[in-house]
Amino acid sequence: MTKLVIRLVINAVALWAAASFIGGIHLSEDIVSVAIVAAIFGLINAVIKPIVKLFSFPFIILTLGIFTIIINALMLLLTDYFTQSLYIESFMSALFGSIVISIVSIVLSAFLDDEA
């Protein structure tokens, strides 16, 4: 249960960082709204993203994995569609935001103990 909460916090921090660094991404300043957006983003990444990656596997192989960044941007745009607290102006904003979110998530996840 604590690992789930930690993942939620990592998603929230990553989304906040993307909104801070990318001008086309706007995130509510309310902590509860950010937590809800992070939960929805995590749910979309857990349920829909594997299905999209399965069907786009040939493109992922053909582009040596670069297509995964586009999939991440699409998941971010899907989160924008389902929430009121997140607004993304363009696909390019989502693309750069997905890169920031990936970097922040990787850095923060490096501090987690995988066996806990």
PDB file of N, CA and C in Angstrom:
ATOM      1  N   MET A   1       0.823  -1.197   0.000  1.00  0.00           N
ATOM      2  CA  MET A   1       0.000   0.000   0.000  1.00  0.00           C
ATOM      3  C   MET A   1       0.864   1.256   0.000  1.00  0.00           C
ATOM      4  N   THR A   2       1.956   1.221   0.768  1.00  0.00           N
ATOM      5  CA  THR A   2       2.817   2.405   0.809  1.00  0.00           C
ATOM      6  C   THR A   2       3.518   2.618  -0.527  1.00  0.00           C
ATOM      7  N   LYS A   3       3.814   1.537  -1.248  1.00  0.00           N
ATOM      8  CA  LYS A   3       4.452   1.674  -2.558  1.00  0.00           C
ATOM      9  C   LYS A   3       3.503   2.358  -3.546  1.00  0.00           C
ATOM     10  N   LEU A   4       2.220   2.062  -3.436  1.00  0.00           N
ATOM     11  CA  LEU A   4       1.222   2.701  -4.282  1.00  0.00           C
ATOM     12  C   LEU A   4       1.152   4.205  -3.997  1.00  0.00           C
ATOM     13  N   VAL A   5       1.200   4.560  -2.737  1.00  0.00           N
ATOM     14  CA  VAL A   5       1.184   5.979  -2.357  1.00  0.00           C
ATOM     15  C   VAL A   5       2.454   6.674  -2.839  1.00  0.00           C
ATOM     16  N   ILE A   6       3.582   6.003  -2.727  1.00  0.00           N
ATOM     17  CA  ILE A   6       4.845   6.582  -3.195  1.00  0.00           C
ATOM     18  C   ILE A   6       4.798   6.793  -4.705  1.00  0.00           C
ATOM     19  N   ARG A   7       4.257   5.842  -5.440  1.00  0.00           N
ATOM     20  CA  ARG A   7       4.114   5.989  -6.892  1.00  0.00           C
ATOM     21  C   ARG A   7       3.182   7.163  -7.231  1.00  0.00           C
ATOM     22  N   LEU A   8       2.122   7.315  -6.451  1.00  0.00           N
ATOM     23  CA  LEU A   8       1.205   8.438  -6.646  1.00  0.00           C
ATOM     24  C   LEU A   8       1.928   9.766  -6.432  1.00  0.00           C
ATOM     25  N   VAL A   9       2.753   9.833  -5.399  1.00  0.00           N
ATOM     26  CA  VAL A   9       3.527  11.049  -5.122  1.00  0.00           C
ATOM     27  C   VAL A   9       4.539  11.305  -6.242  1.00  0.00           C
ATOM     28  N   ILE A  10       5.184  10.256  -6.732  1.00  0.00           N
ATOM     29  CA  ILE A  10       6.140  10.421  -7.831  1.00  0.00           C
ATOM     30  C   ILE A  10       5.436  10.949  -9.073  1.00  0.00           C
ATOM     31  N   ASN A  11       4.258  10.398  -9.394  1.00  0.00           N
ATOM     32  CA  ASN A  11       3.485  10.901 -10.531  1.00  0.00           C
ATOM     33  C   ASN A  11       3.095  12.360 -10.330  1.00  0.00           C
ATOM     34  N   ALA A  12       2.680  12.704  -9.120  1.00  0.00           N
ATOM     35  CA  ALA A  12       2.271  14.083  -8.844  1.00  0.00           C
ATOM     36  C   ALA A  12       3.442  15.044  -8.996  1.00  0.00           C
ATOM     37  N   VAL A  13       4.604  14.666  -8.476  1.00  0.00           N
ATOM     38  CA  VAL A  13       5.793  15.520  -8.597  1.00  0.00           C
ATOM     39  C   VAL A  13       6.211  15.642 -10.058  1.00  0.00           C
ATOM     40  N   ALA A  14       6.151  14.546 -10.795  1.00  0.00           N
ATOM     41  CA  ALA A  14       6.527  14.568 -12.210  1.00  0.00           C
ATOM     42  C   ALA A  14       5.575  15.446 -13.024  1.00  0.00           C
ATOM     43  N   LEU A  15       4.291  15.350 -12.748  1.00  0.00           N
ATOM     44  CA  LEU A  15       3.324  16.212 -13.431  1.00  0.00           C
ATOM     45  C   LEU A  15       3.536  17.678 -13.068  1.00  0.00           C
ATOM     46  N   TRP A  16       3.810  17.936 -11.804  1.00  0.00           N
ATOM     47  CA  TRP A  16       4.077  19.316 -11.374  1.00  0.00           C
ATOM     48  C   TRP A  16       5.326  19.862 -12.059  1.00  0.00           C
ATOM     49  N   ALA A  17       6.358  19.042 -12.179  1.00  0.00           N
ATOM     50  CA  ALA A  17       7.594  19.470 -12.848  1.00  0.00           C
ATOM     51  C   ALA A  17       7.326  19.774 -14.319  1.00  0.00           C
ATOM     52  N   ALA A  18       6.543  18.934 -14.972  1.00  0.00           N
ATOM     53  CA  ALA A  18       6.223  19.172 -16.381  1.00  0.00           C
ATOM     54  C   ALA A  18       5.445  20.475 -16.542  1.00  0.00           C
ATOM     55  N   ALA A  19       4.510  20.724 -15.640  1.00  0.00           N
ATOM     56  CA  ALA A  19       3.732  21.964 -15.703  1.00  0.00           C
ATOM     57  C   ALA A  19       4.609  23.181 -15.399  1.00  0.00           C
ATOM     58  N   SER A  20       5.627  23.003 -14.588  1.00  0.00           N
ATOM     59  CA  SER A  20       6.518  24.103 -14.244  1.00  0.00           C
ATOM     60  C   SER A  20       7.483  24.435 -15.369  1.00  0.00           C
ATOM     61  N   PHE A  21       7.994  23.422 -16.046  1.00  0.00           N
ATOM     62  CA  PHE A  21       9.027  23.628 -17.057  1.00  0.00           C
ATOM     63  C   PHE A  21       8.497  23.822 -18.475  1.00  0.00           C
ATOM     64  N   ILE A  22       7.327  23.294 -18.762  1.00  0.00           N
ATOM     65  CA  ILE A  22       6.760  23.382 -20.111  1.00  0.00           C
ATOM     66  C   ILE A  22       5.625  24.405 -20.085  1.00  0.00           C
ATOM     67  N   GLY A  23       5.740  25.411 -20.911  1.00  0.00           N
ATOM     68  CA  GLY A  23       4.767  26.498 -20.910  1.00  0.00           C
ATOM     69  C   GLY A  23       3.372  26.102 -21.358  1.00  0.00           C
ATOM     70  N   GLY A  24       3.232  25.075 -22.163  1.00  0.00           N
ATOM     71  CA  GLY A  24       1.928  24.679 -22.678  1.00  0.00           C
ATOM     72  C   GLY A  24       1.166  23.709 -21.804  1.00  0.00           C
ATOM     73  N   ILE A  25       1.680  23.408 -20.620  1.00  0.00           N
ATOM     74  CA  ILE A  25       0.999  22.499 -19.698  1.00  0.00           C
ATOM     75  C   ILE A  25       0.607  23.283 -18.456  1.00  0.00           C
ATOM     76  N   HIS A  26      -0.665  23.215 -18.130  1.00  0.00           N
ATOM     77  CA  HIS A  26      -1.186  23.936 -16.966  1.00  0.00           C
ATOM     78  C   HIS A  26      -1.834  22.938 -16.018  1.00  0.00           C
ATOM     79  N   LEU A  27      -1.427  23.004 -14.764  1.00  0.00           N
ATOM     80  CA  LEU A  27      -1.914  22.080 -13.736  1.00  0.00           C
ATOM     81  C   LEU A  27      -2.455  22.887 -12.574  1.00  0.00           C
ATOM     82  N   SER A  28      -3.547  22.456 -12.031  1.00  0.00           N
ATOM     83  CA  SER A  28      -4.147  23.132 -10.888  1.00  0.00           C
ATOM     84  C   SER A  28      -3.150  23.186  -9.729  1.00  0.00           C
ATOM     85  N   GLU A  29      -3.250  24.222  -8.923  1.00  0.00           N
ATOM     86  CA  GLU A  29      -2.345  24.353  -7.777  1.00  0.00           C
ATOM     87  C   GLU A  29      -2.894  23.689  -6.519  1.00  0.00           C
ATOM     88  N   ASP A  30      -4.105  23.189  -6.578  1.00  0.00           N
ATOM     89  CA  ASP A  30      -4.716  22.500  -5.451  1.00  0.00           C
ATOM     90  C   ASP A  30      -4.108  21.106  -5.311  1.00  0.00           C
ATOM     91  N   ILE A  31      -3.639  20.789  -4.110  1.00  0.00           N
ATOM     92  CA  ILE A  31      -2.967  19.509  -3.854  1.00  0.00           C
ATOM     93  C   ILE A  31      -3.884  18.324  -4.151  1.00  0.00           C
ATOM     94  N   VAL A  32      -5.139  18.419  -3.765  1.00  0.00           N
ATOM     95  CA  VAL A  32      -6.077  17.317  -3.985  1.00  0.00           C
ATOM     96  C   VAL A  32      -6.292  17.109  -5.480  1.00  0.00           C
ATOM     97  N   SER A  33      -6.428  18.198  -6.229  1.00  0.00           N
ATOM     98  CA  SER A  33      -6.607  18.085  -7.682  1.00  0.00           C
ATOM     99  C   SER A  33      -5.390  17.466  -8.344  1.00  0.00           C
ATOM    100  N   VAL A  34      -4.210  17.849  -7.905  1.00  0.00           N
ATOM    101  CA  VAL A  34      -2.980  17.271  -8.450  1.00  0.00           C
ATOM    102  C   VAL A  34      -2.917  15.782  -8.131  1.00  0.00           C
ATOM    103  N   ALA A  35      -3.317  15.393  -6.939  1.00  0.00           N
ATOM    104  CA  ALA A  35      -3.324  13.970  -6.561  1.00  0.00           C
ATOM    105  C   ALA A  35      -4.317  13.188  -7.412  1.00  0.00           C
ATOM    106  N   ILE A  36      -5.455  13.785  -7.713  1.00  0.00           N
ATOM    107  CA  ILE A  36      -6.457  13.118  -8.556  1.00  0.00           C
ATOM    108  C   ILE A  36      -5.925  12.959  -9.979  1.00  0.00           C
ATOM    109  N   VAL A  37      -5.299  14.016 -10.497  1.00  0.00           N
ATOM    110  CA  VAL A  37      -4.705  13.939 -11.836  1.00  0.00           C
ATOM    111  C   VAL A  37      -3.615  12.871 -11.867  1.00  0.00           C
ATOM    112  N   ALA A  38      -2.795  12.819 -10.826  1.00  0.00           N
ATOM    113  CA  ALA A  38      -1.728  11.813 -10.753  1.00  0.00           C
ATOM    114  C   ALA A  38      -2.308  10.405 -10.700  1.00  0.00           C
ATOM    115  N   ALA A  39      -3.400  10.228  -9.971  1.00  0.00           N
ATOM    116  CA  ALA A  39      -4.039   8.908  -9.886  1.00  0.00           C
ATOM    117  C   ALA A  39      -4.618   8.498 -11.238  1.00  0.00           C
ATOM    118  N   ILE A  40      -5.250   9.429 -11.924  1.00  0.00           N
ATOM    119  CA  ILE A  40      -5.814   9.126 -13.241  1.00  0.00           C
ATOM    120  C   ILE A  40      -4.696   8.836 -14.237  1.00  0.00           C
ATOM    121  N   PHE A  41      -3.617   9.615 -14.172  1.00  0.00           N
ATOM    122  CA  PHE A  41      -2.470   9.393 -15.044  1.00  0.00           C
ATOM    123  C   PHE A  41      -1.857   8.011 -14.792  1.00  0.00           C
ATOM    124  N   GLY A  42      -1.739   7.630 -13.530  1.00  0.00           N
ATOM    125  CA  GLY A  42      -1.222   6.307 -13.185  1.00  0.00           C
ATOM    126  C   GLY A  42      -2.141   5.193 -13.649  1.00  0.00           C
ATOM    127  N   LEU A  43      -3.440   5.404 -13.524  1.00  0.00           N
ATOM    128  CA  LEU A  43      -4.414   4.403 -13.970  1.00  0.00           C
ATOM    129  C   LEU A  43      -4.376   4.236 -15.488  1.00  0.00           C
ATOM    130  N   ILE A  44      -4.289   5.339 -16.206  1.00  0.00           N
ATOM    131  CA  ILE A  44      -4.190   5.270 -17.670  1.00  0.00           C
ATOM    132  C   ILE A  44      -2.909   4.557 -18.076  1.00  0.00           C
ATOM    133  N   ASN A  45      -1.801   4.873 -17.404  1.00  0.00           N
ATOM    134  CA  ASN A  45      -0.532   4.217 -17.716  1.00  0.00           C
ATOM    135  C   ASN A  45      -0.547   2.737 -17.373  1.00  0.00           C
ATOM    136  N   ALA A  46      -1.331   2.353 -16.384  1.00  0.00           N
ATOM    137  CA  ALA A  46      -1.381   0.946 -15.972  1.00  0.00           C
ATOM    138  C   ALA A  46      -2.334   0.118 -16.833  1.00  0.00           C
ATOM    139  N   VAL A  47      -3.385   0.739 -17.355  1.00  0.00           N
ATOM    140  CA  VAL A  47      -4.407  -0.022 -18.067  1.00  0.00           C
ATOM    141  C   VAL A  47      -4.309   0.152 -19.586  1.00  0.00           C
ATOM    142  N   ILE A  48      -4.284   1.379 -20.052  1.00  0.00           N
ATOM    143  CA  ILE A  48      -4.374   1.637 -21.484  1.00  0.00           C
ATOM    144  C   ILE A  48      -3.019   1.565 -22.178  1.00  0.00           C
ATOM    145  N   LYS A  49      -1.971   2.062 -21.527  1.00  0.00           N
ATOM    146  CA  LYS A  49      -0.654   2.118 -22.157  1.00  0.00           C
ATOM    147  C   LYS A  49      -0.126   0.747 -22.599  1.00  0.00           C
ATOM    148  N   PRO A  50      -0.265  -0.312 -21.798  1.00  0.00           N
ATOM    149  CA  PRO A  50       0.226  -1.620 -22.278  1.00  0.00           C
ATOM    150  C   PRO A  50      -0.504  -2.113 -23.534  1.00  0.00           C
ATOM    151  N   ILE A  51      -1.780  -1.807 -23.631  1.00  0.00           N
ATOM    152  CA  ILE A  51      -2.552  -2.219 -24.808  1.00  0.00           C
ATOM    153  C   ILE A  51      -2.064  -1.458 -26.041  1.00  0.00           C
ATOM    154  N   VAL A  52      -1.845  -0.151 -25.887  1.00  0.00           N
ATOM    155  CA  VAL A  52      -1.354   0.663 -27.001  1.00  0.00           C
ATOM    156  C   VAL A  52       0.042   0.211 -27.407  1.00  0.00           C
ATOM    157  N   LYS A  53       0.885  -0.094 -26.424  1.00  0.00           N
ATOM    158  CA  LYS A  53       2.241  -0.555 -26.743  1.00  0.00           C
ATOM    159  C   LYS A  53       2.219  -1.910 -27.459  1.00  0.00           C
ATOM    160  N   LEU A  54       1.285  -2.757 -27.104  1.00  0.00           N
ATOM    161  CA  LEU A  54       1.170  -4.052 -27.771  1.00  0.00           C
ATOM    162  C   LEU A  54       0.831  -3.885 -29.246  1.00  0.00           C
ATOM    163  N   PHE A  55      -0.143  -3.031 -29.540  1.00  0.00           N
ATOM    164  CA  PHE A  55      -0.554  -2.840 -30.925  1.00  0.00           C
ATOM    165  C   PHE A  55       0.433  -2.007 -31.732  1.00  0.00           C
ATOM    166  N   SER A  56       1.244  -1.207 -31.064  1.00  0.00           N
ATOM    167  CA  SER A  56       2.216  -0.384 -31.791  1.00  0.00           C
ATOM    168  C   SER A  56       3.622  -0.982 -31.725  1.00  0.00           C
ATOM    169  N   PHE A  57       3.724  -2.217 -31.306  1.00  0.00           N
ATOM    170  CA  PHE A  57       5.025  -2.872 -31.166  1.00  0.00           C
ATOM    171  C   PHE A  57       5.886  -2.810 -32.434  1.00  0.00           C
ATOM    172  N   PRO A  58       5.324  -3.009 -33.630  1.00  0.00           N
ATOM    173  CA  PRO A  58       6.170  -2.892 -34.832  1.00  0.00           C
ATOM    174  C   PRO A  58       6.790  -1.495 -34.989  1.00  0.00           C
ATOM    175  N   PHE A  59       6.020  -0.448 -34.658  1.00  0.00           N
ATOM    176  CA  PHE A  59       6.554   0.914 -34.748  1.00  0.00           C
ATOM    177  C   PHE A  59       7.635   1.154 -33.701  1.00  0.00           C
ATOM    178  N   ILE A  60       7.455   0.572 -32.533  1.00  0.00           N
ATOM    179  CA  ILE A  60       8.462   0.709 -31.477  1.00  0.00           C
ATOM    180  C   ILE A  60       9.767   0.049 -31.908  1.00  0.00           C
ATOM    181  N   ILE A  61       9.668  -1.126 -32.499  1.00  0.00           N
ATOM    182  CA  ILE A  61      10.858  -1.828 -32.984  1.00  0.00           C
ATOM    183  C   ILE A  61      11.497  -1.051 -34.137  1.00  0.00           C
ATOM    184  N   LEU A  62      10.675  -0.583 -35.076  1.00  0.00           N
ATOM    185  CA  LEU A  62      11.176   0.134 -36.251  1.00  0.00           C
ATOM    186  C   LEU A  62      11.908   1.423 -35.876  1.00  0.00           C
ATOM    187  N   THR A  63      11.421   2.116 -34.831  1.00  0.00           N
ATOM    188  CA  THR A  63      12.033   3.385 -34.421  1.00  0.00           C
ATOM    189  C   THR A  63      13.012   3.204 -33.269  1.00  0.00           C
ATOM    190  N   LEU A  64      13.342   1.971 -32.953  1.00  0.00           N
ATOM    191  CA  LEU A  64      14.270   1.652 -31.861  1.00  0.00           C
ATOM    192  C   LEU A  64      13.818   2.231 -30.518  1.00  0.00           C
ATOM    193  N   GLY A  65      12.524   2.265 -30.292  1.00  0.00           N
ATOM    194  CA  GLY A  65      11.974   2.684 -29.014  1.00  0.00           C
ATOM    195  C   GLY A  65      11.563   4.138 -28.926  1.00  0.00           C
ATOM    196  N   ILE A  66      11.911   4.944 -29.927  1.00  0.00           N
ATOM    197  CA  ILE A  66      11.574   6.371 -29.896  1.00  0.00           C
ATOM    198  C   ILE A  66      10.060   6.579 -29.928  1.00  0.00           C
ATOM    199  N   PHE A  67       9.327   5.676 -30.568  1.00  0.00           N
ATOM    200  CA  PHE A  67       7.876   5.795 -30.654  1.00  0.00           C
ATOM    201  C   PHE A  67       7.223   5.754 -29.272  1.00  0.00           C
ATOM    202  N   THR A  68       7.919   5.205 -28.295  1.00  0.00           N
ATOM    203  CA  THR A  68       7.398   5.158 -26.927  1.00  0.00           C
ATOM    204  C   THR A  68       7.168   6.562 -26.381  1.00  0.00           C
ATOM    205  N   ILE A  69       7.986   7.525 -26.787  1.00  0.00           N
ATOM    206  CA  ILE A  69       7.796   8.912 -26.344  1.00  0.00           C
ATOM    207  C   ILE A  69       6.468   9.454 -26.860  1.00  0.00           C
ATOM    208  N   ILE A  70       6.117   9.096 -28.088  1.00  0.00           N
ATOM    209  CA  ILE A  70       4.833   9.528 -28.642  1.00  0.00           C
ATOM    210  C   ILE A  70       3.685   8.875 -27.893  1.00  0.00           C
ATOM    211  N   ILE A  71       3.843   7.616 -27.533  1.00  0.00           N
ATOM    212  CA  ILE A  71       2.812   6.934 -26.749  1.00  0.00           C
ATOM    213  C   ILE A  71       2.649   7.618 -25.388  1.00  0.00           C
ATOM    214  N   ASN A  72       3.753   7.986 -24.753  1.00  0.00           N
ATOM    215  CA  ASN A  72       3.683   8.695 -23.478  1.00  0.00           C
ATOM    216  C   ASN A  72       2.958  10.027 -23.626  1.00  0.00           C
ATOM    217  N   ALA A  73       3.221  10.743 -24.723  1.00  0.00           N
ATOM    218  CA  ALA A  73       2.536  12.014 -24.969  1.00  0.00           C
ATOM    219  C   ALA A  73       1.037  11.788 -25.157  1.00  0.00           C
ATOM    220  N   LEU A  74       0.669  10.723 -25.852  1.00  0.00           N
ATOM    221  CA  LEU A  74      -0.745  10.415 -26.035  1.00  0.00           C
ATOM    222  C   LEU A  74      -1.424  10.065 -24.708  1.00  0.00           C
ATOM    223  N   MET A  75      -0.715   9.373 -23.828  1.00  0.00           N
ATOM    224  CA  MET A  75      -1.280   9.058 -22.509  1.00  0.00           C
ATOM    225  C   MET A  75      -1.475  10.341 -21.684  1.00  0.00           C
ATOM    226  N   LEU A  76      -0.563  11.280 -21.853  1.00  0.00           N
ATOM    227  CA  LEU A  76      -0.698  12.564 -21.165  1.00  0.00           C
ATOM    228  C   LEU A  76      -1.889  13.344 -21.721  1.00  0.00           C
ATOM    229  N   LEU A  77      -2.070  13.331 -23.031  1.00  0.00           N
ATOM    230  CA  LEU A  77      -3.233  13.989 -23.631  1.00  0.00           C
ATOM    231  C   LEU A  77      -4.532  13.304 -23.215  1.00  0.00           C
ATOM    232  N   LEU A  78      -4.505  11.996 -23.059  1.00  0.00           N
ATOM    233  CA  LEU A  78      -5.690  11.275 -22.595  1.00  0.00           C
ATOM    234  C   LEU A  78      -6.028  11.655 -21.157  1.00  0.00           C
ATOM    235  N   THR A  79      -5.000  11.848 -20.349  1.00  0.00           N
ATOM    236  CA  THR A  79      -5.224  12.312 -18.979  1.00  0.00           C
ATOM    237  C   THR A  79      -5.834  13.701 -18.984  1.00  0.00           C
ATOM    238  N   ASP A  80      -5.369  14.559 -19.877  1.00  0.00           N
ATOM    239  CA  ASP A  80      -5.943  15.897 -20.032  1.00  0.00           C
ATOM    240  C   ASP A  80      -7.422  15.806 -20.393  1.00  0.00           C
ATOM    241  N   TYR A  81      -7.773  14.870 -21.255  1.00  0.00           N
ATOM    242  CA  TYR A  81      -9.162  14.700 -21.682  1.00  0.00           C
ATOM    243  C   TYR A  81     -10.075  14.312 -20.513  1.00  0.00           C
ATOM    244  N   PHE A  82      -9.575  13.483 -19.608  1.00  0.00           N
ATOM    245  CA  PHE A  82     -10.399  12.968 -18.518  1.00  0.00           C
ATOM    246  C   PHE A  82     -10.407  13.839 -17.268  1.00  0.00           C
ATOM    247  N   THR A  83      -9.560  14.857 -17.201  1.00  0.00           N
ATOM    248  CA  THR A  83      -9.500  15.680 -15.989  1.00  0.00           C
ATOM    249  C   THR A  83      -9.740  17.141 -16.319  1.00  0.00           C
ATOM    250  N   GLN A  84     -10.210  17.871 -15.336  1.00  0.00           N
ATOM    251  CA  GLN A  84     -10.415  19.311 -15.460  1.00  0.00           C
ATOM    252  C   GLN A  84      -9.227  20.094 -14.925  1.00  0.00           C
ATOM    253  N   SER A  85      -8.398  19.466 -14.133  1.00  0.00           N
ATOM    254  CA  SER A  85      -7.297  20.153 -13.457  1.00  0.00           C
ATOM    255  C   SER A  85      -6.015  20.186 -14.278  1.00  0.00           C
ATOM    256  N   LEU A  86      -6.010  19.526 -15.423  1.00  0.00           N
ATOM    257  CA  LEU A  86      -4.842  19.490 -16.299  1.00  0.00           C
ATOM    258  C   LEU A  86      -5.263  19.996 -17.666  1.00  0.00           C
ATOM    259  N   TYR A  87      -4.484  20.956 -18.198  1.00  0.00           N
ATOM    260  CA  TYR A  87      -4.759  21.482 -19.531  1.00  0.00           C
ATOM    261  C   TYR A  87      -3.467  21.486 -20.328  1.00  0.00           C
ATOM    262  N   ILE A  88      -3.505  20.885 -21.502  1.00  0.00           N
ATOM    263  CA  ILE A  88      -2.343  20.828 -22.384  1.00  0.00           C
ATOM    264  C   ILE A  88      -2.727  21.518 -23.687  1.00  0.00           C
ATOM    265  N   GLU A  89      -1.919  22.501 -24.069  1.00  0.00           N
ATOM    266  CA  GLU A  89      -2.256  23.335 -25.223  1.00  0.00           C
ATOM    267  C   GLU A  89      -2.056  22.639 -26.564  1.00  0.00           C
ATOM    268  N   SER A  90      -1.013  21.840 -26.704  1.00  0.00           N
ATOM    269  CA  SER A  90      -0.723  21.247 -28.010  1.00  0.00           C
ATOM    270  C   SER A  90      -0.050  19.884 -27.836  1.00  0.00           C
ATOM    271  N   PHE A  91       0.063  19.181 -28.963  1.00  0.00           N
ATOM    272  CA  PHE A  91       0.740  17.892 -28.914  1.00  0.00           C
ATOM    273  C   PHE A  91       2.219  18.063 -28.578  1.00  0.00           C
ATOM    274  N   MET A  92       2.837  19.128 -29.077  1.00  0.00           N
ATOM    275  CA  MET A  92       4.255  19.371 -28.785  1.00  0.00           C
ATOM    276  C   MET A  92       4.469  19.600 -27.289  1.00  0.00           C
ATOM    277  N   SER A  93       3.546  20.299 -26.660  1.00  0.00           N
ATOM    278  CA  SER A  93       3.635  20.486 -25.202  1.00  0.00           C
ATOM    279  C   SER A  93       3.534  19.139 -24.497  1.00  0.00           C
ATOM    280  N   ALA A  94       2.628  18.295 -24.972  1.00  0.00           N
ATOM    281  CA  ALA A  94       2.492  16.958 -24.384  1.00  0.00           C
ATOM    282  C   ALA A  94       3.748  16.127 -24.624  1.00  0.00           C
ATOM    283  N   LEU A  95       4.353  16.280 -25.796  1.00  0.00           N
ATOM    284  CA  LEU A  95       5.563  15.534 -26.117  1.00  0.00           C
ATOM    285  C   LEU A  95       6.717  15.927 -25.193  1.00  0.00           C
ATOM    286  N   PHE A  96       6.955  17.234 -25.060  1.00  0.00           N
ATOM    287  CA  PHE A  96       8.021  17.686 -24.163  1.00  0.00           C
ATOM    288  C   PHE A  96       7.677  17.396 -22.702  1.00  0.00           C
ATOM    289  N   GLY A  97       6.398  17.495 -22.356  1.00  0.00           N
ATOM    290  CA  GLY A  97       5.969  17.169 -21.001  1.00  0.00           C
ATOM    291  C   GLY A  97       6.179  15.705 -20.667  1.00  0.00           C
ATOM    292  N   SER A  98       5.940  14.825 -21.643  1.00  0.00           N
ATOM    293  CA  SER A  98       6.147  13.395 -21.393  1.00  0.00           C
ATOM    294  C   SER A  98       7.623  13.091 -21.181  1.00  0.00           C
ATOM    295  N   ILE A  99       8.492  13.841 -21.845  1.00  0.00           N
ATOM    296  CA  ILE A  99       9.933  13.649 -21.634  1.00  0.00           C
ATOM    297  C   ILE A  99      10.318  14.084 -20.224  1.00  0.00           C
ATOM    298  N   VAL A 100       9.802  15.236 -19.794  1.00  0.00           N
ATOM    299  CA  VAL A 100      10.090  15.713 -18.431  1.00  0.00           C
ATOM    300  C   VAL A 100       9.544  14.737 -17.395  1.00  0.00           C
ATOM    301  N   ILE A 101       8.318  14.269 -17.604  1.00  0.00           N
ATOM    302  CA  ILE A 101       7.700  13.321 -16.666  1.00  0.00           C
ATOM    303  C   ILE A 101       8.522  12.031 -16.595  1.00  0.00           C
ATOM    304  N   SER A 102       8.996  11.549 -17.724  1.00  0.00           N
ATOM    305  CA  SER A 102       9.806  10.326 -17.740  1.00  0.00           C
ATOM    306  C   SER A 102      11.111  10.505 -16.975  1.00  0.00           C
ATOM    307  N   ILE A 103      11.777  11.636 -17.207  1.00  0.00           N
ATOM    308  CA  ILE A 103      13.046  11.889 -16.519  1.00  0.00           C
ATOM    309  C   ILE A 103      12.850  12.003 -15.020  1.00  0.00           C
ATOM    310  N   VAL A 104      11.853  12.782 -14.598  1.00  0.00           N
ATOM    311  CA  VAL A 104      11.601  12.963 -13.162  1.00  0.00           C
ATOM    312  C   VAL A 104      11.202  11.637 -12.521  1.00  0.00           C
ATOM    313  N   SER A 105      10.371  10.852 -13.200  1.00  0.00           N
ATOM    314  CA  SER A 105       9.945   9.563 -12.652  1.00  0.00           C
ATOM    315  C   SER A 105      11.116   8.594 -12.509  1.00  0.00           C
ATOM    316  N   ILE A 106      11.996   8.590 -13.495  1.00  0.00           N
ATOM    317  CA  ILE A 106      13.166   7.706 -13.424  1.00  0.00           C
ATOM    318  C   ILE A 106      14.073   8.106 -12.270  1.00  0.00           C
ATOM    319  N   VAL A 107      14.316   9.401 -12.135  1.00  0.00           N
ATOM    320  CA  VAL A 107      15.203   9.884 -11.066  1.00  0.00           C
ATOM    321  C   VAL A 107      14.605   9.578  -9.693  1.00  0.00           C
ATOM    322  N   LEU A 108      13.317   9.869  -9.512  1.00  0.00           N
ATOM    323  CA  LEU A 108      12.698   9.636  -8.203  1.00  0.00           C
ATOM    324  C   LEU A 108      12.520   8.143  -7.915  1.00  0.00           C
ATOM    325  N   SER A 109      12.265   7.348  -8.933  1.00  0.00           N
ATOM    326  CA  SER A 109      12.102   5.902  -8.728  1.00  0.00           C
ATOM    327  C   SER A 109      13.420   5.228  -8.384  1.00  0.00           C
ATOM    328  N   ALA A 110      14.531   5.854  -8.741  1.00  0.00           N
ATOM    329  CA  ALA A 110      15.837   5.281  -8.425  1.00  0.00           C
ATOM    330  C   ALA A 110      16.067   5.212  -6.911  1.00  0.00           C
ATOM    331  N   PHE A 111      15.352   6.045  -6.170  1.00  0.00           N
ATOM    332  CA  PHE A 111      15.504   6.057  -4.717  1.00  0.00           C
ATOM    333  C   PHE A 111      14.615   5.045  -4.019  1.00  0.00           C
ATOM    334  N   LEU A 112      13.741   4.359  -4.763  1.00  0.00           N
ATOM    335  CA  LEU A 112      12.854   3.375  -4.163  1.00  0.00           C
ATOM    336  C   LEU A 112      13.549   2.033  -4.000  1.00  0.00           C
ATOM    337  N   ASP A 113      13.207   1.353  -2.932  1.00  0.00           N
ATOM    338  CA  ASP A 113      13.685  -0.010  -2.714  1.00  0.00           C
ATOM    339  C   ASP A 113      12.684  -0.945  -3.382  1.00  0.00           C
ATOM    340  N   ASP A 114      13.099  -1.694  -4.390  1.00  0.00           N
ATOM    341  CA  ASP A 114      12.184  -2.544  -5.152  1.00  0.00           C
ATOM    342  C   ASP A 114      11.635  -3.711  -4.342  1.00  0.00           C
ATOM    343  N   GLU A 115      12.294  -4.096  -3.289  1.00  0.00           N
ATOM    344  CA  GLU A 115      11.856  -5.240  -2.495  1.00  0.00           C
ATOM    345  C   GLU A 115      10.903  -4.860  -1.367  1.00  0.00           C
ATOM    346  N   ALA A 116      10.698  -3.584  -1.158  1.00  0.00           N
ATOM    347  CA  ALA A 116       9.821  -3.148  -0.053  1.00  0.00           C
ATOM    348  C   ALA A 116       8.372  -3.303  -0.412  1.00  0.00           C
TER     349      ALA A 116
END
